[in-house]
Amino acid sequence: MKPKQTSSAPIPVYILSGFLGSGKTTLLVKLLEYWKSQNLTPAVVMNELGEVNLDGKLIDQRVPMAELLGGCICCSVRDNLGIELVQLVQNTSPDVIVIEATGAANPIEILDGIADTSLYITLEVKGLISVVDSIHLLETYRLQKGKTFRLMQEQIRAASILLLNKTDRIEEKDRPELLSLVKDWNEHAAIHFTEHCNIDPALLTEDAIYLVNSEGSASDSRAQEKHQLHHSHNHVMVYTHYFNSKINSVLFEQWLRELPRDIYRAKGIVHFSDTGSRFLFQYAYREPDFTKLGSGEELKDVGVFIGEHFSKTELIQLLHRLEEESSKIKS
């Protein structure tokens, strides 16, 4: 077992970056279990573009957590990051902190935010781990257009460790192209091919190499880019919808698969009329996933939809139609 960290030692901080639906929360759960097995007390800062922290429902509720909702940690709620970090340290005395950024976050801005907070509490950035949706990256690269492509580039360029995730969904012949691509953008990061983020967490924590310099800011070359990259994800849109009634599970799964392609990510809690159960749903890159919730969970039925330049009016109409059609089917 590792000894508890002394109060004078800097608290290691890890940042989880990656585009929408790449697998960050899956990796977060694995890291938390690893740290607890080492007799360490981890704490989490979770950032959501929407108004509800749904991914937090997948985290052990005994783990101290700060939530930054309704905006991105690298711009609109950046000032709150320092406040939350200070309170988290003062209230819980964690041995390690992990920050899960939104899929739309620019990692360089987060690093600068942590550096500002380091003026008040002793923190040390140990690693910036970017989780890459391999199939999405390849398709976006082949199109080479849109702000999403640029954002994915920056998330990869800033990383100290890269997880090329979902490699089970790409063909073997595409792996060399994928590896060459990320090495062109970042020749220094450690690179791991993964499926479902399955990797020994020790590889991600003990070998982390990313450090903030002595002036408390990102490297000079990155700092020069900061002004240009700020607000680089203005194209990302978020809509939060509260369901007014139960939904038929068959209709809902079909409805998810037919969402407009401009909606990359969806998550939420829905009560199925035909099963009598409530589920946490996740939708990433046109693939849905469901996790059954316990009967004691007192949560609103809600969906958060994230994408690029989609029509909110059209989405609202689709949601209302789903609710109407579900109400016509007898459970």
C-alpha atoms as a PDB file:
ATOM      1  CA  MET A   1       0.000   0.000   0.000  1.00  0.00           C
ATOM      2  CA  LYS A   2       1.177   3.517  -0.724  1.00  0.00           C
ATOM      3  CA  PRO A   3       1.399   5.855   2.260  1.00  0.00           C
ATOM      4  CA  LYS A   4      -1.046   8.696   2.641  1.00  0.00           C
ATOM      5  CA  GLN A   5       0.204  11.929   1.127  1.00  0.00           C
ATOM      6  CA  THR A   6       1.528  14.509   3.581  1.00  0.00           C
ATOM      7  CA  SER A   7      -0.159  17.909   3.672  1.00  0.00           C
ATOM      8  CA  SER A   8       3.006  19.684   2.505  1.00  0.00           C
ATOM      9  CA  ALA A   9       3.389  17.610  -0.646  1.00  0.00           C
ATOM     10  CA  PRO A  10       1.821  18.854  -3.890  1.00  0.00           C
ATOM     11  CA  ILE A  11      -1.411  17.112  -4.833  1.00  0.00           C
ATOM     12  CA  PRO A  12      -1.079  15.362  -8.201  1.00  0.00           C
ATOM     13  CA  VAL A  13      -3.667  16.403 -10.766  1.00  0.00           C
ATOM     14  CA  TYR A  14      -4.620  14.474 -13.900  1.00  0.00           C
ATOM     15  CA  ILE A  15      -6.725  15.907 -16.714  1.00  0.00           C
ATOM     16  CA  LEU A  16      -8.924  13.665 -18.841  1.00  0.00           C
ATOM     17  CA  SER A  17      -9.494  15.148 -22.268  1.00  0.00           C
ATOM     18  CA  GLY A  18     -11.089  13.794 -25.412  1.00  0.00           C
ATOM     19  CA  PHE A  19     -13.878  14.459 -27.844  1.00  0.00           C
ATOM     20  CA  LEU A  20     -17.518  13.703 -27.081  1.00  0.00           C
ATOM     21  CA  GLY A  21     -18.188  10.042 -26.395  1.00  0.00           C
ATOM     22  CA  SER A  22     -14.575   8.900 -26.644  1.00  0.00           C
ATOM     23  CA  GLY A  23     -14.639   7.004 -23.334  1.00  0.00           C
ATOM     24  CA  LYS A  24     -13.389   9.483 -20.721  1.00  0.00           C
ATOM     25  CA  THR A  25     -15.860   8.476 -18.006  1.00  0.00           C
ATOM     26  CA  THR A  26     -15.099   4.775 -18.542  1.00  0.00           C
ATOM     27  CA  LEU A  27     -11.424   5.544 -17.987  1.00  0.00           C
ATOM     28  CA  LEU A  28     -12.223   7.724 -14.982  1.00  0.00           C
ATOM     29  CA  VAL A  29     -14.011   4.852 -13.232  1.00  0.00           C
ATOM     30  CA  LYS A  30     -10.990   2.587 -13.782  1.00  0.00           C
ATOM     31  CA  LEU A  31      -8.563   5.214 -12.454  1.00  0.00           C
ATOM     32  CA  LEU A  32     -10.634   5.784  -9.312  1.00  0.00           C
ATOM     33  CA  GLU A  33     -10.754   2.063  -8.554  1.00  0.00           C
ATOM     34  CA  TYR A  34      -6.996   1.856  -9.051  1.00  0.00           C
ATOM     35  CA  TRP A  35      -6.237   4.721  -6.673  1.00  0.00           C
ATOM     36  CA  LYS A  36      -8.565   3.327  -4.014  1.00  0.00           C
ATOM     37  CA  SER A  37      -6.804  -0.034  -4.305  1.00  0.00           C
ATOM     38  CA  GLN A  38      -3.557   1.826  -3.530  1.00  0.00           C
ATOM     39  CA  ASN A  39      -5.066   3.182  -0.291  1.00  0.00           C
ATOM     40  CA  LEU A  40      -5.310   6.673  -1.784  1.00  0.00           C
ATOM     41  CA  THR A  41      -8.232   9.079  -1.577  1.00  0.00           C
ATOM     42  CA  PRO A  42      -9.110  10.410  -5.039  1.00  0.00           C
ATOM     43  CA  ALA A  43     -11.341  13.384  -5.761  1.00  0.00           C
ATOM     44  CA  VAL A  44     -13.040  14.368  -9.011  1.00  0.00           C
ATOM     45  CA  VAL A  45     -13.932  17.579 -10.804  1.00  0.00           C
ATOM     46  CA  MET A  46     -16.542  16.868 -13.464  1.00  0.00           C
ATOM     47  CA  ASN A  47     -17.440  19.440 -16.080  1.00  0.00           C
ATOM     48  CA  GLU A  48     -20.611  19.203 -18.158  1.00  0.00           C
ATOM     49  CA  LEU A  49     -21.835  21.521 -20.893  1.00  0.00           C
ATOM     50  CA  GLY A  50     -25.401  20.716 -19.882  1.00  0.00           C
ATOM     51  CA  GLU A  51     -27.277  21.577 -16.718  1.00  0.00           C
ATOM     52  CA  VAL A  52     -27.181  18.050 -15.284  1.00  0.00           C
ATOM     53  CA  ASN A  53     -24.162  15.924 -14.290  1.00  0.00           C
ATOM     54  CA  LEU A  54     -25.266  12.569 -15.663  1.00  0.00           C
ATOM     55  CA  ASP A  55     -21.833  10.977 -15.927  1.00  0.00           C
ATOM     56  CA  GLY A  56     -21.446  11.569 -12.199  1.00  0.00           C
ATOM     57  CA  LYS A  57     -24.114   8.903 -11.616  1.00  0.00           C
ATOM     58  CA  LEU A  58     -21.602   6.311 -12.834  1.00  0.00           C
ATOM     59  CA  ILE A  59     -19.055   7.321 -10.186  1.00  0.00           C
ATOM     60  CA  ASP A  60     -18.840   5.805  -6.710  1.00  0.00           C
ATOM     61  CA  GLN A  61     -20.834   8.269  -4.613  1.00  0.00           C
ATOM     62  CA  ARG A  62     -18.259   7.975  -1.816  1.00  0.00           C
ATOM     63  CA  VAL A  63     -15.667   9.698  -4.006  1.00  0.00           C
ATOM     64  CA  PRO A  64     -15.524  13.464  -3.275  1.00  0.00           C
ATOM     65  CA  MET A  65     -16.741  15.350  -6.320  1.00  0.00           C
ATOM     66  CA  ALA A  66     -17.047  18.933  -7.508  1.00  0.00           C
ATOM     67  CA  GLU A  67     -19.372  19.760 -10.377  1.00  0.00           C
ATOM     68  CA  LEU A  68     -19.003  22.513 -12.958  1.00  0.00           C
ATOM     69  CA  LEU A  69     -22.229  22.583 -14.967  1.00  0.00           C
ATOM     70  CA  GLY A  70     -23.740  24.665 -17.721  1.00  0.00           C
ATOM     71  CA  GLY A  71     -20.535  25.618 -19.521  1.00  0.00           C
ATOM     72  CA  CYS A  72     -17.039  24.608 -20.459  1.00  0.00           C
ATOM     73  CA  ILE A  73     -14.271  24.591 -17.878  1.00  0.00           C
ATOM     74  CA  CYS A  74     -11.861  26.259 -20.285  1.00  0.00           C
ATOM     75  CA  CYS A  75     -13.907  29.424 -20.798  1.00  0.00           C
ATOM     76  CA  SER A  76     -17.369  30.212 -19.429  1.00  0.00           C
ATOM     77  CA  VAL A  77     -16.934  28.465 -16.060  1.00  0.00           C
ATOM     78  CA  ARG A  78     -13.146  28.672 -15.879  1.00  0.00           C
ATOM     79  CA  ASP A  79     -13.206  31.115 -12.958  1.00  0.00           C
ATOM     80  CA  ASN A  80     -15.167  28.541 -10.945  1.00  0.00           C
ATOM     81  CA  LEU A  81     -12.463  25.910 -11.386  1.00  0.00           C
ATOM     82  CA  GLY A  82     -10.134  27.514  -8.869  1.00  0.00           C
ATOM     83  CA  ILE A  83     -12.919  27.934  -6.321  1.00  0.00           C
ATOM     84  CA  GLU A  84     -14.009  24.328  -6.650  1.00  0.00           C
ATOM     85  CA  LEU A  85     -10.446  22.993  -6.442  1.00  0.00           C
ATOM     86  CA  VAL A  86      -9.672  24.995  -3.307  1.00  0.00           C
ATOM     87  CA  GLN A  87     -12.900  23.889  -1.599  1.00  0.00           C
ATOM     88  CA  LEU A  88     -12.323  20.275  -2.653  1.00  0.00           C
ATOM     89  CA  VAL A  89      -8.854  20.255  -1.104  1.00  0.00           C
ATOM     90  CA  GLN A  90      -9.931  22.047   2.068  1.00  0.00           C
ATOM     91  CA  ASN A  91     -13.002  19.866   2.644  1.00  0.00           C
ATOM     92  CA  THR A  92     -11.731  16.411   1.629  1.00  0.00           C
ATOM     93  CA  SER A  93      -7.878  16.446   1.699  1.00  0.00           C
ATOM     94  CA  PRO A  94      -7.552  14.217  -1.376  1.00  0.00           C
ATOM     95  CA  ASP A  95      -4.357  12.384  -2.315  1.00  0.00           C
ATOM     96  CA  VAL A  96      -5.007  12.848  -6.038  1.00  0.00           C
ATOM     97  CA  ILE A  97      -7.418  14.895  -8.169  1.00  0.00           C
ATOM     98  CA  VAL A  98      -8.692  14.048 -11.628  1.00  0.00           C
ATOM     99  CA  ILE A  99     -10.492  16.582 -13.803  1.00  0.00           C
ATOM    100  CA  GLU A 100     -12.806  15.234 -16.490  1.00  0.00           C
ATOM    101  CA  ALA A 101     -13.269  17.967 -19.075  1.00  0.00           C
ATOM    102  CA  THR A 102     -16.139  18.260 -21.522  1.00  0.00           C
ATOM    103  CA  GLY A 103     -15.600  16.845 -24.971  1.00  0.00           C
ATOM    104  CA  ALA A 104     -15.527  20.425 -26.261  1.00  0.00           C
ATOM    105  CA  ALA A 105     -12.750  21.615 -23.958  1.00  0.00           C
ATOM    106  CA  ASN A 106      -9.425  23.035 -25.059  1.00  0.00           C
ATOM    107  CA  PRO A 107      -6.856  21.387 -22.716  1.00  0.00           C
ATOM    108  CA  ILE A 108      -4.433  24.325 -22.834  1.00  0.00           C
ATOM    109  CA  GLU A 109      -6.983  26.606 -21.219  1.00  0.00           C
ATOM    110  CA  ILE A 110      -7.564  24.055 -18.454  1.00  0.00           C
ATOM    111  CA  LEU A 111      -3.839  23.859 -17.766  1.00  0.00           C
ATOM    112  CA  ASP A 112      -3.686  27.628 -17.368  1.00  0.00           C
ATOM    113  CA  GLY A 113      -6.687  27.510 -15.037  1.00  0.00           C
ATOM    114  CA  ILE A 114      -4.966  24.937 -12.833  1.00  0.00           C
ATOM    115  CA  ALA A 115      -1.791  27.009 -12.901  1.00  0.00           C
ATOM    116  CA  ASP A 116      -3.734  30.006 -11.568  1.00  0.00           C
ATOM    117  CA  THR A 117      -5.142  27.858  -8.764  1.00  0.00           C
ATOM    118  CA  SER A 118      -1.631  26.703  -7.874  1.00  0.00           C
ATOM    119  CA  LEU A 119      -1.075  30.165  -6.436  1.00  0.00           C
ATOM    120  CA  TYR A 120      -3.443  29.259  -3.594  1.00  0.00           C
ATOM    121  CA  ILE A 121      -2.998  25.523  -3.087  1.00  0.00           C
ATOM    122  CA  THR A 122      -0.093  23.237  -3.926  1.00  0.00           C
ATOM    123  CA  LEU A 123      -0.953  21.306  -7.057  1.00  0.00           C
ATOM    124  CA  GLU A 124       1.167  19.446  -9.584  1.00  0.00           C
ATOM    125  CA  VAL A 125      -0.146  18.538 -13.024  1.00  0.00           C
ATOM    126  CA  LYS A 126       1.095  15.002 -13.559  1.00  0.00           C
ATOM    127  CA  GLY A 127      -0.577  14.049 -16.787  1.00  0.00           C
ATOM    128  CA  LEU A 128      -2.918  15.194 -19.513  1.00  0.00           C
ATOM    129  CA  ILE A 129      -4.580  12.053 -20.836  1.00  0.00           C
ATOM    130  CA  SER A 130      -6.493  12.388 -24.094  1.00  0.00           C
ATOM    131  CA  VAL A 131      -8.890   9.601 -25.032  1.00  0.00           C
ATOM    132  CA  VAL A 132      -9.334   9.380 -28.798  1.00  0.00           C
ATOM    133  CA  ASP A 133     -12.343   7.859 -30.556  1.00  0.00           C
ATOM    134  CA  SER A 134     -10.274   6.122 -33.235  1.00  0.00           C
ATOM    135  CA  ILE A 135     -12.974   5.624 -35.855  1.00  0.00           C
ATOM    136  CA  HIS A 136     -14.328   9.157 -35.411  1.00  0.00           C
ATOM    137  CA  LEU A 137     -10.841  10.637 -35.704  1.00  0.00           C
ATOM    138  CA  LEU A 138     -10.093   8.771 -38.927  1.00  0.00           C
ATOM    139  CA  GLU A 139     -13.344   9.853 -40.548  1.00  0.00           C
ATOM    140  CA  THR A 140     -12.928  13.452 -39.407  1.00  0.00           C
ATOM    141  CA  TYR A 141      -9.333  13.500 -40.640  1.00  0.00           C
ATOM    142  CA  ARG A 142     -10.330  12.192 -44.061  1.00  0.00           C
ATOM    143  CA  LEU A 143     -12.849  15.015 -44.395  1.00  0.00           C
ATOM    144  CA  GLN A 144     -10.401  17.566 -42.936  1.00  0.00           C
ATOM    145  CA  LYS A 145     -12.943  20.295 -42.390  1.00  0.00           C
ATOM    146  CA  GLY A 146     -14.883  21.926 -39.588  1.00  0.00           C
ATOM    147  CA  LYS A 147     -13.970  23.219 -36.161  1.00  0.00           C
ATOM    148  CA  THR A 148     -14.423  19.748 -34.698  1.00  0.00           C
ATOM    149  CA  PHE A 149     -11.383  18.586 -36.660  1.00  0.00           C
ATOM    150  CA  ARG A 150      -9.291  21.436 -35.239  1.00  0.00           C
ATOM    151  CA  LEU A 151     -10.488  20.777 -31.697  1.00  0.00           C
ATOM    152  CA  MET A 152      -9.554  17.093 -31.921  1.00  0.00           C
ATOM    153  CA  GLN A 153      -6.109  18.145 -33.161  1.00  0.00           C
ATOM    154  CA  GLU A 154      -5.572  20.392 -30.140  1.00  0.00           C
ATOM    155  CA  GLN A 155      -6.704  17.716 -27.683  1.00  0.00           C
ATOM    156  CA  ILE A 156      -4.171  15.325 -29.195  1.00  0.00           C
ATOM    157  CA  ARG A 157      -1.360  17.882 -29.427  1.00  0.00           C
ATOM    158  CA  ALA A 158      -1.686  18.865 -25.777  1.00  0.00           C
ATOM    159  CA  ALA A 159      -1.622  15.324 -24.375  1.00  0.00           C
ATOM    160  CA  SER A 160       1.149  13.616 -22.462  1.00  0.00           C
ATOM    161  CA  ILE A 161      -0.611  10.259 -22.900  1.00  0.00           C
ATOM    162  CA  LEU A 162      -2.899   9.214 -25.750  1.00  0.00           C
ATOM    163  CA  LEU A 163      -5.409   6.369 -25.616  1.00  0.00           C
ATOM    164  CA  LEU A 164      -6.455   5.408 -29.117  1.00  0.00           C
ATOM    165  CA  ASN A 165      -9.711   3.909 -27.957  1.00  0.00           C
ATOM    166  CA  LYS A 166     -12.376   1.831 -29.753  1.00  0.00           C
ATOM    167  CA  THR A 167      -9.734   0.167 -31.915  1.00  0.00           C
ATOM    168  CA  ASP A 168     -12.022  -2.855 -32.123  1.00  0.00           C
ATOM    169  CA  ARG A 169     -14.161  -0.749 -34.439  1.00  0.00           C
ATOM    170  CA  ILE A 170     -11.481   0.025 -37.012  1.00  0.00           C
ATOM    171  CA  GLU A 171      -9.936  -2.344 -39.524  1.00  0.00           C
ATOM    172  CA  GLU A 172      -6.425  -3.643 -38.940  1.00  0.00           C
ATOM    173  CA  LYS A 173      -5.223  -2.003 -42.142  1.00  0.00           C
ATOM    174  CA  ASP A 174      -6.250   1.420 -40.768  1.00  0.00           C
ATOM    175  CA  ARG A 175      -4.085   1.218 -37.654  1.00  0.00           C
ATOM    176  CA  PRO A 176      -0.850   2.432 -39.321  1.00  0.00           C
ATOM    177  CA  GLU A 177      -2.674   5.473 -40.704  1.00  0.00           C
ATOM    178  CA  LEU A 178      -4.148   6.229 -37.276  1.00  0.00           C
ATOM    179  CA  LEU A 179      -0.788   5.894 -35.534  1.00  0.00           C
ATOM    180  CA  SER A 180       1.010   8.009 -38.133  1.00  0.00           C
ATOM    181  CA  LEU A 181      -1.647  10.696 -37.832  1.00  0.00           C
ATOM    182  CA  VAL A 182      -1.398  11.140 -34.074  1.00  0.00           C
ATOM    183  CA  LYS A 183       2.405  10.971 -34.143  1.00  0.00           C
ATOM    184  CA  ASP A 184       2.443  13.783 -36.708  1.00  0.00           C
ATOM    185  CA  TRP A 185       0.434  15.905 -34.289  1.00  0.00           C
ATOM    186  CA  ASN A 186       2.190  14.776 -31.107  1.00  0.00           C
ATOM    187  CA  GLU A 187       5.500  12.919 -31.307  1.00  0.00           C
ATOM    188  CA  HIS A 188       6.174  13.067 -27.560  1.00  0.00           C
ATOM    189  CA  ALA A 189       3.079  11.478 -26.020  1.00  0.00           C
ATOM    190  CA  ALA A 190       2.964   7.849 -24.917  1.00  0.00           C
ATOM    191  CA  ILE A 191       0.442   6.070 -27.167  1.00  0.00           C
ATOM    192  CA  HIS A 192      -1.728   3.078 -26.234  1.00  0.00           C
ATOM    193  CA  PHE A 193      -4.272   1.216 -28.365  1.00  0.00           C
ATOM    194  CA  THR A 194      -7.310   0.311 -26.237  1.00  0.00           C
ATOM    195  CA  GLU A 195     -10.775  -1.199 -26.372  1.00  0.00           C
ATOM    196  CA  HIS A 196     -13.270   0.114 -23.791  1.00  0.00           C
ATOM    197  CA  CYS A 197     -10.293   1.958 -22.202  1.00  0.00           C
ATOM    198  CA  ASN A 198      -8.910  -1.342 -20.906  1.00  0.00           C
ATOM    199  CA  ILE A 199      -5.375  -0.551 -19.759  1.00  0.00           C
ATOM    200  CA  ASP A 200      -3.279  -0.929 -16.628  1.00  0.00           C
ATOM    201  CA  PRO A 201      -3.853   2.411 -14.819  1.00  0.00           C
ATOM    202  CA  ALA A 202      -0.262   2.284 -13.542  1.00  0.00           C
ATOM    203  CA  LEU A 203       0.872   2.974 -17.106  1.00  0.00           C
ATOM    204  CA  LEU A 204      -1.095   6.206 -17.041  1.00  0.00           C
ATOM    205  CA  THR A 205      -0.101   7.431 -13.589  1.00  0.00           C
ATOM    206  CA  GLU A 206       3.409   6.273 -12.819  1.00  0.00           C
ATOM    207  CA  ASP A 207       4.816   7.285 -16.207  1.00  0.00           C
ATOM    208  CA  ALA A 208       3.004  10.622 -16.576  1.00  0.00           C
ATOM    209  CA  ILE A 209       5.398  13.255 -17.847  1.00  0.00           C
ATOM    210  CA  TYR A 210       3.412  16.444 -18.458  1.00  0.00           C
ATOM    211  CA  LEU A 211       4.479  19.227 -16.089  1.00  0.00           C
ATOM    212  CA  VAL A 212       3.510  22.862 -15.694  1.00  0.00           C
ATOM    213  CA  ASN A 213       6.623  25.032 -15.678  1.00  0.00           C
ATOM    214  CA  SER A 214       7.943  27.039 -12.744  1.00  0.00           C
ATOM    215  CA  GLU A 215       6.109  30.205 -13.787  1.00  0.00           C
ATOM    216  CA  GLY A 216       2.829  28.352 -13.306  1.00  0.00           C
ATOM    217  CA  SER A 217       1.685  28.382 -16.929  1.00  0.00           C
ATOM    218  CA  ALA A 218       1.749  26.101 -19.906  1.00  0.00           C
ATOM    219  CA  SER A 219       4.865  25.948 -22.072  1.00  0.00           C
ATOM    220  CA  ASP A 220       5.764  29.120 -23.984  1.00  0.00           C
ATOM    221  CA  SER A 221       4.894  27.639 -27.370  1.00  0.00           C
ATOM    222  CA  ARG A 222       1.435  26.668 -26.115  1.00  0.00           C
ATOM    223  CA  ALA A 223       0.908  29.976 -24.324  1.00  0.00           C
ATOM    224  CA  GLN A 224       1.483  31.828 -27.592  1.00  0.00           C
ATOM    225  CA  GLU A 225      -1.409  29.888 -29.115  1.00  0.00           C
ATOM    226  CA  LYS A 226      -3.755  30.475 -26.194  1.00  0.00           C
ATOM    227  CA  HIS A 227      -5.381  33.653 -27.460  1.00  0.00           C
ATOM    228  CA  GLN A 228      -6.078  32.163 -30.880  1.00  0.00           C
ATOM    229  CA  LEU A 229      -7.511  28.917 -29.484  1.00  0.00           C
ATOM    230  CA  HIS A 230      -9.757  30.410 -26.829  1.00  0.00           C
ATOM    231  CA  HIS A 231     -13.449  29.800 -27.581  1.00  0.00           C
ATOM    232  CA  SER A 232     -12.465  27.439 -30.397  1.00  0.00           C
ATOM    233  CA  HIS A 233     -15.564  25.344 -29.651  1.00  0.00           C
ATOM    234  CA  ASN A 234     -18.222  28.021 -30.125  1.00  0.00           C
ATOM    235  CA  HIS A 235     -19.764  25.745 -32.755  1.00  0.00           C
ATOM    236  CA  VAL A 236     -20.704  23.166 -30.106  1.00  0.00           C
ATOM    237  CA  MET A 237     -24.362  23.344 -29.031  1.00  0.00           C
ATOM    238  CA  VAL A 238     -26.143  21.841 -26.035  1.00  0.00           C
ATOM    239  CA  TYR A 239     -29.840  21.245 -25.432  1.00  0.00           C
ATOM    240  CA  THR A 240     -31.265  19.894 -22.148  1.00  0.00           C
ATOM    241  CA  HIS A 241     -34.725  18.306 -22.329  1.00  0.00           C
ATOM    242  CA  TYR A 242     -36.878  17.200 -19.386  1.00  0.00           C
ATOM    243  CA  PHE A 243     -39.244  14.374 -20.317  1.00  0.00           C
ATOM    244  CA  ASN A 244     -42.879  14.832 -19.321  1.00  0.00           C
ATOM    245  CA  SER A 245     -43.866  11.178 -19.567  1.00  0.00           C
ATOM    246  CA  LYS A 246     -42.579   7.632 -19.761  1.00  0.00           C
ATOM    247  CA  ILE A 247     -41.078   6.457 -23.041  1.00  0.00           C
ATOM    248  CA  ASN A 248     -41.421   3.157 -24.888  1.00  0.00           C
ATOM    249  CA  SER A 249     -37.992   1.478 -24.914  1.00  0.00           C
ATOM    250  CA  VAL A 250     -38.231   0.114 -28.475  1.00  0.00           C
ATOM    251  CA  LEU A 251     -39.257   3.474 -29.894  1.00  0.00           C
ATOM    252  CA  PHE A 252     -36.567   5.236 -27.891  1.00  0.00           C
ATOM    253  CA  GLU A 253     -33.696   3.059 -29.074  1.00  0.00           C
ATOM    254  CA  GLN A 254     -34.846   3.419 -32.684  1.00  0.00           C
ATOM    255  CA  TRP A 255     -35.241   7.180 -32.147  1.00  0.00           C
ATOM    256  CA  LEU A 256     -31.658   7.473 -30.860  1.00  0.00           C
ATOM    257  CA  ARG A 257     -30.254   5.654 -33.870  1.00  0.00           C
ATOM    258  CA  GLU A 258     -32.055   8.055 -36.209  1.00  0.00           C
ATOM    259  CA  LEU A 259     -30.869  11.271 -34.573  1.00  0.00           C
ATOM    260  CA  PRO A 260     -29.402  13.857 -36.975  1.00  0.00           C
ATOM    261  CA  ARG A 261     -25.694  13.285 -37.604  1.00  0.00           C
ATOM    262  CA  ASP A 262     -24.931  16.753 -36.258  1.00  0.00           C
ATOM    263  CA  ILE A 263     -25.743  15.437 -32.766  1.00  0.00           C
ATOM    264  CA  TYR A 264     -22.617  13.625 -31.631  1.00  0.00           C
ATOM    265  CA  ARG A 265     -23.433  12.874 -28.033  1.00  0.00           C
ATOM    266  CA  ALA A 266     -26.484  12.353 -25.854  1.00  0.00           C
ATOM    267  CA  LYS A 267     -26.936  11.186 -22.304  1.00  0.00           C
ATOM    268  CA  GLY A 268     -29.748  11.160 -19.825  1.00  0.00           C
ATOM    269  CA  ILE A 269     -32.193   9.300 -17.618  1.00  0.00           C
ATOM    270  CA  VAL A 270     -35.407   7.859 -19.013  1.00  0.00           C
ATOM    271  CA  HIS A 271     -38.275   5.850 -17.510  1.00  0.00           C
ATOM    272  CA  PHE A 272     -39.412   3.110 -19.896  1.00  0.00           C
ATOM    273  CA  SER A 273     -43.155   2.515 -19.965  1.00  0.00           C
ATOM    274  CA  ASP A 274     -42.921  -1.069 -21.205  1.00  0.00           C
ATOM    275  CA  THR A 275     -40.351  -2.292 -18.647  1.00  0.00           C
ATOM    276  CA  GLY A 276     -41.278  -0.193 -15.620  1.00  0.00           C
ATOM    277  CA  SER A 277     -37.590   0.586 -15.061  1.00  0.00           C
ATOM    278  CA  ARG A 278     -35.427   3.684 -15.306  1.00  0.00           C
ATOM    279  CA  PHE A 279     -32.170   3.723 -17.239  1.00  0.00           C
ATOM    280  CA  LEU A 280     -29.169   5.943 -17.665  1.00  0.00           C
ATOM    281  CA  PHE A 281     -28.619   6.155 -21.410  1.00  0.00           C
ATOM    282  CA  GLN A 282     -25.477   7.106 -23.297  1.00  0.00           C
ATOM    283  CA  TYR A 283     -25.258   7.812 -27.011  1.00  0.00           C
ATOM    284  CA  ALA A 284     -21.917   8.339 -28.728  1.00  0.00           C
ATOM    285  CA  TYR A 285     -21.086   8.182 -32.404  1.00  0.00           C
ATOM    286  CA  ARG A 286     -24.485   6.705 -33.245  1.00  0.00           C
ATOM    287  CA  GLU A 287     -24.200   3.856 -30.721  1.00  0.00           C
ATOM    288  CA  PRO A 288     -26.564   3.762 -27.675  1.00  0.00           C
ATOM    289  CA  ASP A 289     -25.817   2.169 -24.319  1.00  0.00           C
ATOM    290  CA  PHE A 290     -28.101   1.662 -21.302  1.00  0.00           C
ATOM    291  CA  THR A 291     -27.457   1.152 -17.573  1.00  0.00           C
ATOM    292  CA  LYS A 292     -30.366   0.214 -15.278  1.00  0.00           C
ATOM    293  CA  LEU A 293     -30.829   2.471 -12.259  1.00  0.00           C
ATOM    294  CA  GLY A 294     -31.867   1.373  -8.791  1.00  0.00           C
ATOM    295  CA  SER A 295     -35.381   2.019  -7.543  1.00  0.00           C
ATOM    296  CA  GLY A 296     -34.094   4.400  -4.873  1.00  0.00           C
ATOM    297  CA  GLU A 297     -32.698   6.892  -7.389  1.00  0.00           C
ATOM    298  CA  GLU A 298     -34.813  10.075  -7.167  1.00  0.00           C
ATOM    299  CA  LEU A 299     -33.773  11.733 -10.404  1.00  0.00           C
ATOM    300  CA  LYS A 300     -35.627  13.638 -13.079  1.00  0.00           C
ATOM    301  CA  ASP A 301     -36.108  12.117 -16.504  1.00  0.00           C
ATOM    302  CA  VAL A 302     -33.810  14.215 -18.635  1.00  0.00           C
ATOM    303  CA  GLY A 303     -31.781  14.143 -21.832  1.00  0.00           C
ATOM    304  CA  VAL A 304     -28.750  16.262 -22.717  1.00  0.00           C
ATOM    305  CA  PHE A 305     -27.894  16.529 -26.416  1.00  0.00           C
ATOM    306  CA  ILE A 306     -24.565  17.848 -27.683  1.00  0.00           C
ATOM    307  CA  GLY A 307     -23.604  18.479 -31.269  1.00  0.00           C
ATOM    308  CA  GLU A 308     -22.532  20.935 -33.941  1.00  0.00           C
ATOM    309  CA  HIS A 309     -24.934  23.468 -35.494  1.00  0.00           C
ATOM    310  CA  PHE A 310     -27.994  21.243 -35.113  1.00  0.00           C
ATOM    311  CA  SER A 311     -31.530  22.629 -35.139  1.00  0.00           C
ATOM    312  CA  LYS A 312     -32.877  22.822 -31.587  1.00  0.00           C
ATOM    313  CA  THR A 313     -36.361  23.406 -32.959  1.00  0.00           C
ATOM    314  CA  GLU A 314     -36.194  20.205 -34.995  1.00  0.00           C
ATOM    315  CA  LEU A 315     -34.825  18.261 -32.032  1.00  0.00           C
ATOM    316  CA  ILE A 316     -37.605  19.503 -29.732  1.00  0.00           C
ATOM    317  CA  GLN A 317     -40.197  18.462 -32.321  1.00  0.00           C
ATOM    318  CA  LEU A 318     -38.639  15.000 -32.552  1.00  0.00           C
ATOM    319  CA  LEU A 319     -38.687  14.652 -28.755  1.00  0.00           C
ATOM    320  CA  HIS A 320     -42.343  15.685 -28.494  1.00  0.00           C
ATOM    321  CA  ARG A 321     -43.260  13.234 -31.257  1.00  0.00           C
ATOM    322  CA  LEU A 322     -41.422  10.471 -29.377  1.00  0.00           C
ATOM    323  CA  GLU A 323     -43.386  11.239 -26.219  1.00  0.00           C
ATOM    324  CA  GLU A 324     -46.689  11.323 -28.117  1.00  0.00           C
ATOM    325  CA  GLU A 325     -46.050   8.025 -29.904  1.00  0.00           C
ATOM    326  CA  SER A 326     -44.954   6.374 -26.654  1.00  0.00           C
ATOM    327  CA  SER A 327     -48.181   7.458 -24.940  1.00  0.00           C
ATOM    328  CA  LYS A 328     -50.237   5.692 -27.614  1.00  0.00           C
ATOM    329  CA  ILE A 329     -48.617   2.327 -26.944  1.00  0.00           C
ATOM    330  CA  LYS A 330     -50.117   0.361 -24.076  1.00  0.00           C
ATOM    331  CA  SER A 331     -47.516  -0.934 -21.607  1.00  0.00           C
END
